[in-house]
Amino acid sequence: MSLENQRDQIIENLELLNRQVAKQNSLSRMLWVGVIYGIGFFIGSVIIATIAFGILGPWFGQIGWIRSAFETGYGLLH
């Protein structure tokens, strides 16, 4: 492979990399990535909170004002 062919190949690769970087840095792509990460963070937080409340629920049930608030809410719904 001659030097000129190598130079042309390097230039083609650099142009390809520049196009890929420009696509990755586009506003619409960053917006979609942010939305996906936000949804993932929300779902993960809900799962962790559910597990924590499931484990700590009986302990919270022993606190008087929390128990009375729960019973009031339960009475309103039924």
Protein backbone atom coordinates (compact mmCIF):
# COMPACT_ATOMS: atom_id res chain seq x y z
CA MET A 1 0.00 0.00 0.00
CA SER A 2 1.45 3.31 -1.03
CA LEU A 3 1.78 6.37 1.14
CA GLU A 4 -0.89 8.18 -0.83
CA ASN A 5 -3.37 5.34 -0.37
CA GLN A 6 -2.65 5.27 3.37
CA ARG A 7 -3.15 9.03 3.56
CA ASP A 8 -6.46 8.77 1.70
CA GLN A 9 -7.60 5.95 4.00
CA ILE A 10 -6.71 7.98 7.09
CA ILE A 11 -8.58 10.99 5.74
CA GLU A 12 -11.66 8.85 5.01
CA ASN A 13 -11.55 7.39 8.53
CA LEU A 14 -11.22 10.86 10.08
CA GLU A 15 -14.18 12.13 8.04
CA LEU A 16 -16.24 9.12 9.16
CA LEU A 17 -15.32 9.76 12.80
CA ASN A 18 -16.23 13.43 12.45
CA ARG A 19 -19.67 12.52 11.08
CA GLN A 20 -20.25 10.03 13.92
CA VAL A 21 -19.23 12.58 16.57
CA ALA A 22 -21.46 15.21 14.99
CA LYS A 23 -24.39 12.77 15.04
CA GLN A 24 -23.75 11.87 18.69
CA ASN A 25 -23.61 15.53 19.69
CA SER A 26 -26.82 16.50 17.92
CA LEU A 27 -29.49 18.16 20.03
CA SER A 28 -32.23 15.66 19.15
CA ARG A 29 -30.04 12.68 20.12
CA MET A 30 -29.03 14.28 23.40
CA LEU A 31 -32.69 15.03 24.12
CA TRP A 32 -33.72 11.40 23.56
CA VAL A 33 -30.82 10.10 25.65
CA GLY A 34 -31.84 12.47 28.46
CA VAL A 35 -35.46 11.30 28.28
CA ILE A 36 -34.42 7.64 28.38
CA TYR A 37 -32.06 8.23 31.33
CA GLY A 38 -34.78 10.19 33.14
CA ILE A 39 -37.31 7.38 32.71
CA GLY A 40 -34.74 4.84 33.88
CA PHE A 41 -33.91 6.93 36.95
CA PHE A 42 -37.60 7.29 37.79
CA ILE A 43 -38.33 3.57 37.44
CA GLY A 44 -35.23 2.64 39.45
CA SER A 45 -36.17 5.10 42.20
CA VAL A 46 -39.68 3.68 42.39
CA ILE A 47 -38.35 0.13 42.69
CA ILE A 48 -35.90 1.10 45.44
CA ALA A 49 -38.59 3.08 47.32
CA THR A 50 -41.02 0.15 47.07
CA ILE A 51 -38.46 -2.25 48.49
CA ALA A 52 -37.50 0.20 51.26
CA PHE A 53 -41.12 0.84 52.25
CA GLY A 54 -41.83 -2.89 52.16
CA ILE A 55 -38.98 -3.59 54.53
CA LEU A 56 -39.51 -0.55 56.77
CA GLY A 57 -43.34 -0.55 56.59
CA PRO A 58 -43.93 -2.42 59.84
CA TRP A 59 -41.58 -0.06 61.63
CA PHE A 60 -43.40 2.99 60.23
CA GLY A 61 -46.70 1.39 61.28
CA GLN A 62 -45.62 1.62 64.92
CA ILE A 63 -45.44 5.43 64.75
CA GLY A 64 -48.74 6.78 66.01
CA TRP A 65 -49.33 9.76 63.72
CA ILE A 66 -48.44 7.72 60.62
CA ARG A 67 -50.81 4.93 61.66
CA SER A 68 -53.65 7.41 62.31
CA ALA A 69 -53.04 9.16 58.97
CA PHE A 70 -53.10 5.79 57.18
CA GLU A 71 -56.31 4.77 58.94
CA THR A 72 -57.93 8.12 58.05
CA GLY A 73 -56.95 7.71 54.39
CA TYR A 74 -58.10 4.12 54.37
CA GLY A 75 -61.44 5.18 55.89
CA LEU A 76 -61.92 7.84 53.21
CA LEU A 77 -61.36 5.33 50.43
CA HIS A 78 -63.67 2.64 51.82
